[in-house]
Amino acid sequence: MPQLRKDPIIGRWVIISTERARRPNVFSKEPVEKIGHKNCPFCPGNESHTPSEILADRSNGSQPDGPGWTLRVVPNKFPALRVEGQLDREGVGLYDQESGVGAHEVIIETPDHDCAFSEYSDSQIEDILWAYRERMIDLKRDTRMKYAMIFKNHGASAGASLEHPHSQLIAMPIVPKNVLEELKGSREYYGYKERCVFCDIVRQETRDPERLIAENTDFVAIAPFASRFPFEIWILPKHHDSCFEDAQKHEFAFLAKIFSEVMKRLDRALDSPAFNFYLHTSPFGEQHNEYYHWHFEIMPRLSKLAGFERGTGFYINPTPPEQAAKYLRRIEL
């Protein structure tokens, strides 16, 4: 029988449609259009096709904005928001608007055009995560910025316009609505129970591991109880930490290991699906608190939102998270 499940953080309801339960092999995949190496602005030798690099990991002696790099961070050539300008706010009748000030950067994760995230070494993933941290620390010095969103789109159906492996960062002068909802819900939970709701989730899922996918010394990967999408995965620190940038070097090593394991399991279970992942962390102005807990959310693109979901805000998930977690745990690596 279908179930209505309530997310304990923001109170959002989802429908786990057990009567529609679907295994990984029944999800359709959209083909990924290939543009090839020659025309790819992110491939080595084409550095002149991107703005000048902000950050790079390079071999000894290689020059900026030339070959010899293992990771590059560059401004997005077609930014959603621009660094230049002032925060001008104004009303237009009953409406509000402000200038589109922010920063939009691209993290080019590898020089290898055809390398999937699941094929990276642990040290490559650690370098990518560390680059996220370095850029966030730098951008929060800009007092106009209140939040930085790290995200990755892989595959055309996930919104990727270029196939070369990359992720993105957008710093903005407002806190996104989804994050505000999590902050509000976690504050209310803490005010009532004097505990972090995310810490309670970690304790629950490790004590009763039917939705547990992987864990190591510092992190857990779970299929959340009120999963919105088939094979949705969250990666959370085991110990309370509200701010991603505060994670220590050894924690990044363990985060890279569990990220690597999760992505390998997804690729083998779902035949290399398109996916999105993103980081939720505390806003710049309230980075250290007892109620919020930074985490990554990973969403394979296996289903589409239709009229009911868009009209109600409910999600219908045809794969119970317990089934998804069990299937992923059984994948041989």
Protein backbone atom coordinates (compact mmCIF):
# COMPACT_ATOMS: atom_id res chain seq x y z
CA MET A 1 0.00 0.00 0.00
CA PRO A 2 1.33 3.52 -0.77
CA GLN A 3 2.72 5.52 2.14
CA LEU A 4 2.77 9.21 2.97
CA ARG A 5 6.06 10.05 4.66
CA LYS A 6 6.97 13.32 6.35
CA ASP A 7 10.44 14.82 6.14
CA PRO A 8 11.52 15.52 9.76
CA ILE A 9 13.49 18.64 8.84
CA ILE A 10 11.12 20.83 6.84
CA GLY A 11 7.85 18.93 7.23
CA ARG A 12 7.51 18.18 3.51
CA TRP A 13 5.35 15.16 2.67
CA VAL A 14 6.24 12.64 -0.05
CA ILE A 15 4.34 9.68 -1.45
CA ILE A 16 6.24 6.41 -1.48
CA SER A 17 4.27 4.62 -4.16
CA THR A 18 4.99 1.01 -3.24
CA GLU A 19 2.42 -0.22 -5.78
CA ARG A 20 4.52 1.40 -8.50
CA ALA A 21 7.78 0.04 -7.04
CA ARG A 22 10.45 0.08 -9.71
CA ARG A 23 13.80 -1.65 -9.89
CA PRO A 24 16.85 0.06 -11.42
CA ASN A 25 16.63 -1.77 -14.75
CA VAL A 26 13.19 -0.32 -15.59
CA PHE A 27 14.21 3.34 -15.52
CA SER A 28 14.74 4.80 -18.99
CA LYS A 29 17.84 6.83 -19.78
CA GLU A 30 18.25 9.78 -22.11
CA PRO A 31 21.28 9.68 -24.43
CA VAL A 32 24.12 12.12 -23.73
CA GLU A 33 25.15 14.21 -26.72
CA LYS A 34 28.91 14.09 -27.34
CA ILE A 35 30.76 17.16 -28.60
CA GLY A 36 34.24 15.63 -28.62
CA HIS A 37 37.59 16.84 -27.31
CA LYS A 38 38.51 19.21 -30.14
CA ASN A 39 35.76 21.71 -29.44
CA CYS A 40 35.76 21.36 -25.67
CA PRO A 41 36.80 24.58 -23.87
CA PHE A 42 37.72 22.60 -20.74
CA CYS A 43 40.24 20.24 -22.36
CA PRO A 44 44.03 20.82 -22.05
CA GLY A 45 45.30 23.03 -24.85
CA ASN A 46 42.05 25.03 -24.96
CA GLU A 47 42.70 27.13 -21.85
CA SER A 48 42.37 30.32 -23.93
CA HIS A 49 38.69 29.46 -24.43
CA THR A 50 37.93 30.08 -20.73
CA PRO A 51 38.45 33.16 -18.55
CA SER A 52 41.73 33.24 -16.61
CA GLU A 53 41.95 30.64 -13.85
CA ILE A 54 41.27 31.62 -10.24
CA LEU A 55 42.74 28.46 -8.74
CA ALA A 56 44.63 25.50 -10.20
CA ASP A 57 46.49 22.37 -9.18
CA ARG A 58 49.51 22.20 -11.46
CA SER A 59 52.65 20.18 -11.99
CA ASN A 60 55.96 21.91 -11.30
CA GLY A 61 56.85 24.52 -13.86
CA SER A 62 53.57 24.68 -15.77
CA GLN A 63 52.29 28.18 -16.43
CA PRO A 64 48.86 29.59 -15.49
CA ASP A 65 46.21 29.33 -18.19
CA GLY A 66 48.17 26.67 -20.05
CA PRO A 67 48.45 22.86 -20.03
CA GLY A 68 49.97 20.96 -17.10
CA TRP A 69 47.05 21.19 -14.65
CA THR A 70 45.10 18.49 -12.85
CA LEU A 71 42.25 20.80 -11.70
CA ARG A 72 41.24 24.35 -12.66
CA VAL A 73 38.73 26.85 -11.31
CA VAL A 74 37.65 29.59 -13.72
CA PRO A 75 34.85 32.17 -13.83
CA ASN A 76 31.85 30.97 -15.79
CA LYS A 77 31.96 32.54 -19.26
CA PHE A 78 28.17 32.96 -19.16
CA PRO A 79 27.50 33.71 -15.48
CA ALA A 80 24.12 33.59 -13.80
CA LEU A 81 25.33 36.43 -11.53
CA ARG A 82 28.20 38.88 -11.92
CA VAL A 83 30.79 40.03 -9.38
CA GLU A 84 30.77 43.61 -10.63
CA GLY A 85 28.25 46.07 -9.28
CA GLN A 86 26.50 47.18 -6.12
CA LEU A 87 23.60 45.62 -4.27
CA ASP A 88 20.89 47.99 -5.39
CA ARG A 89 17.46 47.04 -4.05
CA GLU A 90 14.24 48.64 -5.15
CA GLY A 91 10.52 48.13 -5.18
CA VAL A 92 8.52 47.98 -8.39
CA GLY A 93 5.02 48.54 -7.11
CA LEU A 94 4.37 45.62 -4.77
CA TYR A 95 7.31 43.66 -6.25
CA ASP A 96 10.94 43.59 -5.04
CA GLN A 97 14.08 43.34 -7.11
CA GLU A 98 17.81 43.85 -6.72
CA SER A 99 20.87 43.84 -8.96
CA GLY A 100 22.19 40.42 -9.95
CA VAL A 101 25.45 40.59 -8.03
CA GLY A 102 27.27 37.36 -7.22
CA ALA A 103 29.99 35.01 -8.43
CA HIS A 104 29.66 32.07 -10.79
CA GLU A 105 32.65 29.74 -11.10
CA VAL A 106 33.39 26.44 -12.81
CA ILE A 107 35.50 23.73 -11.18
CA ILE A 108 37.07 21.73 -14.04
CA GLU A 109 37.65 18.52 -12.16
CA THR A 110 40.10 16.71 -14.43
CA PRO A 111 41.93 17.16 -17.74
CA ASP A 112 40.46 13.81 -18.89
CA HIS A 113 37.41 14.60 -21.02
CA ASP A 114 35.91 11.11 -20.70
CA CYS A 115 36.53 10.35 -17.03
CA ALA A 116 33.40 9.75 -14.93
CA PHE A 117 33.18 10.90 -11.31
CA SER A 118 32.95 7.25 -10.26
CA GLU A 119 36.31 6.61 -11.96
CA TYR A 120 38.22 9.25 -9.99
CA SER A 121 40.74 8.15 -7.39
CA ASP A 122 40.05 9.04 -3.78
CA SER A 123 42.82 11.64 -3.95
CA GLN A 124 41.23 13.28 -7.03
CA ILE A 125 37.90 13.61 -5.23
CA GLU A 126 39.66 14.98 -2.16
CA ASP A 127 41.33 17.64 -4.33
CA ILE A 128 37.94 18.62 -5.79
CA LEU A 129 36.37 18.88 -2.34
CA TRP A 130 39.32 20.92 -1.12
CA ALA A 131 38.93 23.29 -4.09
CA TYR A 132 35.27 23.78 -3.09
CA ARG A 133 36.43 24.70 0.41
CA GLU A 134 39.14 27.11 -0.79
CA ARG A 135 36.79 28.99 -3.09
CA MET A 136 34.07 29.25 -0.44
CA ILE A 137 36.53 30.62 2.10
CA ASP A 138 37.69 33.21 -0.41
CA LEU A 139 34.21 34.26 -1.53
CA LYS A 140 32.80 34.73 1.95
CA ARG A 141 35.30 37.58 2.42
CA ASP A 142 33.02 39.53 0.07
CA THR A 143 30.51 41.04 2.49
CA ARG A 144 27.87 41.25 -0.25
CA MET A 145 27.64 37.45 -0.34
CA LYS A 146 25.41 35.47 2.04
CA TYR A 147 25.59 31.99 0.58
CA ALA A 148 27.63 29.84 -1.81
CA MET A 149 26.00 26.89 -3.56
CA ILE A 150 28.21 24.06 -4.83
CA PHE A 151 26.52 21.80 -7.38
CA LYS A 152 27.24 19.35 -10.17
CA ASN A 153 25.10 18.54 -13.23
CA HIS A 154 26.11 15.37 -15.05
CA GLY A 155 24.30 14.44 -18.25
CA ALA A 156 21.98 16.44 -20.50
CA SER A 157 18.85 15.42 -18.57
CA ALA A 158 20.51 16.77 -15.41
CA GLY A 159 21.14 20.16 -17.03
CA ALA A 160 24.76 19.75 -18.14
CA SER A 161 25.56 21.74 -21.28
CA LEU A 162 29.14 20.39 -21.53
CA GLU A 163 30.14 16.76 -21.00
CA HIS A 164 33.70 17.44 -19.75
CA PRO A 165 33.64 16.66 -15.99
CA HIS A 166 33.01 19.84 -14.02
CA SER A 167 31.04 21.24 -11.13
CA GLN A 168 29.98 24.78 -10.32
CA LEU A 169 29.82 27.32 -7.53
CA ILE A 170 27.42 30.26 -7.37
CA ALA A 171 27.83 32.78 -4.55
CA MET A 172 24.83 35.03 -4.04
CA PRO A 173 23.55 37.90 -1.87
CA ILE A 174 20.54 35.89 -0.66
CA VAL A 175 20.11 32.52 1.04
CA PRO A 176 18.24 30.02 -1.21
CA LYS A 177 14.69 29.13 -0.24
CA ASN A 178 15.45 25.40 0.15
CA VAL A 179 18.25 26.16 2.59
CA LEU A 180 16.08 28.65 4.50
CA GLU A 181 13.44 25.95 4.91
CA GLU A 182 16.02 23.53 6.30
CA LEU A 183 17.40 26.18 8.64
CA LYS A 184 13.94 27.07 9.91
CA GLY A 185 12.95 23.44 10.43
CA SER A 186 16.18 22.50 12.16
CA ARG A 187 15.97 25.57 14.45
CA GLU A 188 12.43 24.61 15.46
CA TYR A 189 13.45 21.00 16.09
CA TYR A 190 16.40 22.15 18.20
CA GLY A 191 14.20 24.59 20.12
CA TYR A 192 11.81 21.76 21.00
CA LYS A 193 14.22 18.87 21.60
CA GLU A 194 17.56 20.64 22.21
CA ARG A 195 19.17 18.31 19.67
CA CYS A 196 20.21 18.67 16.04
CA VAL A 197 17.71 16.91 13.77
CA PHE A 198 20.50 15.83 11.41
CA CYS A 199 22.45 14.29 14.29
CA ASP A 200 19.28 12.42 15.27
CA ILE A 201 18.91 11.18 11.68
CA VAL A 202 22.52 9.92 11.68
CA ARG A 203 21.94 8.10 14.99
CA GLN A 204 18.67 6.59 13.78
CA GLU A 205 20.05 5.39 10.45
CA THR A 206 23.19 3.83 11.93
CA ARG A 207 21.25 2.16 14.75
CA ASP A 208 18.61 0.76 12.36
CA PRO A 209 20.56 0.48 9.09
CA GLU A 210 17.87 -0.51 6.58
CA ARG A 211 18.41 2.80 4.74
CA LEU A 212 22.17 2.90 5.31
CA ILE A 213 24.22 2.63 2.11
CA ALA A 214 27.77 3.16 3.35
CA GLU A 215 29.70 4.51 6.33
CA ASN A 216 33.24 5.09 7.50
CA THR A 217 34.95 6.75 10.45
CA ASP A 218 33.54 10.23 9.81
CA PHE A 219 30.61 9.95 7.37
CA VAL A 220 27.41 8.08 6.52
CA ALA A 221 25.57 7.75 3.22
CA ILE A 222 21.83 7.09 3.53
CA ALA A 223 18.67 6.86 1.46
CA PRO A 224 16.56 9.44 3.36
CA PHE A 225 13.32 8.24 4.95
CA ALA A 226 11.19 10.68 2.91
CA SER A 227 13.17 10.37 -0.33
CA ARG A 228 11.78 12.59 -3.07
CA PHE A 229 13.36 10.67 -5.94
CA PRO A 230 14.39 7.07 -6.68
CA PHE A 231 17.87 6.33 -5.30
CA GLU A 232 18.24 9.75 -3.65
CA ILE A 233 21.31 9.71 -1.36
CA TRP A 234 22.53 12.01 1.41
CA ILE A 235 26.10 12.08 2.71
CA LEU A 236 26.39 13.53 6.24
CA PRO A 237 29.17 13.94 8.82
CA LYS A 238 28.72 11.56 11.75
CA HIS A 239 29.63 14.29 14.22
CA HIS A 240 27.88 17.64 14.38
CA ASP A 241 29.32 20.27 12.05
CA SER A 242 27.28 23.16 10.69
CA CYS A 243 29.90 24.52 8.28
CA PHE A 244 31.47 22.59 5.38
CA GLU A 245 34.55 24.82 5.34
CA ASP A 246 35.37 23.85 8.94
CA ALA A 247 35.98 20.20 8.03
CA GLN A 248 39.55 19.10 8.73
CA LYS A 249 41.99 17.63 6.22
CA HIS A 250 41.56 14.06 7.53
CA GLU A 251 37.77 14.47 7.26
CA PHE A 252 38.09 15.41 3.60
CA ALA A 253 39.99 12.15 3.03
CA PHE A 254 37.11 10.14 4.53
CA LEU A 255 34.52 12.25 2.68
CA ALA A 256 36.32 11.50 -0.59
CA LYS A 257 36.29 7.76 0.19
CA ILE A 258 32.56 7.60 0.87
CA PHE A 259 31.77 9.83 -2.12
CA SER A 260 33.80 7.50 -4.31
CA GLU A 261 32.03 4.41 -2.96
CA VAL A 262 28.56 5.91 -3.37
CA MET A 263 29.16 7.04 -6.95
CA LYS A 264 30.60 3.64 -7.92
CA ARG A 265 27.54 1.91 -6.48
CA LEU A 266 25.17 4.27 -8.31
CA ASP A 267 26.96 3.87 -11.64
CA ARG A 268 26.98 0.07 -11.43
CA ALA A 269 23.42 -0.19 -10.15
CA LEU A 270 21.88 2.28 -12.60
CA ASP A 271 24.22 1.99 -15.62
CA SER A 272 25.89 5.39 -15.25
CA PRO A 273 22.83 7.64 -14.89
CA ALA A 274 22.63 11.37 -15.26
CA PHE A 275 22.66 12.97 -11.83
CA ASN A 276 22.86 16.16 -9.81
CA PHE A 277 24.54 16.67 -6.49
CA TYR A 278 24.75 19.75 -4.32
CA LEU A 279 26.08 20.90 -0.99
CA HIS A 280 23.88 22.41 1.71
CA THR A 281 25.81 24.23 4.44
CA SER A 282 25.18 27.09 6.84
CA PRO A 283 24.99 30.61 5.36
CA PHE A 284 28.01 32.86 5.73
CA GLY A 285 26.42 34.89 8.52
CA GLU A 286 25.55 31.94 10.80
CA GLN A 287 28.16 29.33 10.07
CA HIS A 288 28.66 28.00 13.60
CA ASN A 289 25.50 26.78 15.28
CA GLU A 290 24.11 23.79 17.18
CA TYR A 291 21.04 23.14 15.04
CA TYR A 292 22.18 22.76 11.40
CA HIS A 293 24.39 20.10 9.82
CA TRP A 294 26.06 20.41 6.42
CA HIS A 295 25.50 17.58 3.93
CA PHE A 296 25.61 16.57 0.27
CA GLU A 297 22.46 15.45 -1.57
CA ILE A 298 22.82 13.23 -4.67
CA MET A 299 19.91 12.86 -7.10
CA PRO A 300 20.07 10.39 -10.02
CA ARG A 301 17.81 11.67 -12.79
CA LEU A 302 15.49 8.68 -13.16
CA SER A 303 12.06 10.33 -13.06
CA LYS A 304 10.43 13.60 -14.09
CA LEU A 305 8.15 15.97 -12.23
CA ALA A 306 4.63 16.01 -13.66
CA GLY A 307 1.43 17.98 -13.03
CA PHE A 308 0.62 16.51 -9.62
CA GLU A 309 4.12 17.18 -8.23
CA ARG A 310 4.28 20.70 -9.64
CA GLY A 311 0.75 21.56 -8.58
CA THR A 312 0.93 20.21 -5.01
CA GLY A 313 4.59 20.30 -3.99
CA PHE A 314 4.28 16.59 -3.19
CA TYR A 315 6.81 14.19 -4.69
CA ILE A 316 5.88 10.67 -5.82
CA ASN A 317 8.77 8.23 -5.43
CA PRO A 318 8.22 4.80 -7.04
CA THR A 319 11.24 3.20 -5.30
CA PRO A 320 11.09 2.94 -1.49
CA PRO A 321 14.38 4.13 0.05
CA GLU A 322 14.75 0.84 1.96
CA GLN A 323 14.66 -1.03 -1.36
CA ALA A 324 17.12 1.39 -2.98
CA ALA A 325 19.57 1.14 -0.06
CA LYS A 326 19.38 -2.66 -0.01
CA TYR A 327 20.05 -2.83 -3.74
CA LEU A 328 23.01 -0.42 -3.54
CA ARG A 329 24.56 -2.26 -0.59
CA ARG A 330 24.56 -5.48 -2.61
CA ILE A 331 26.55 -4.00 -5.49
CA GLU A 332 30.01 -5.57 -5.67
CA LEU A 333 32.81 -3.01 -5.98
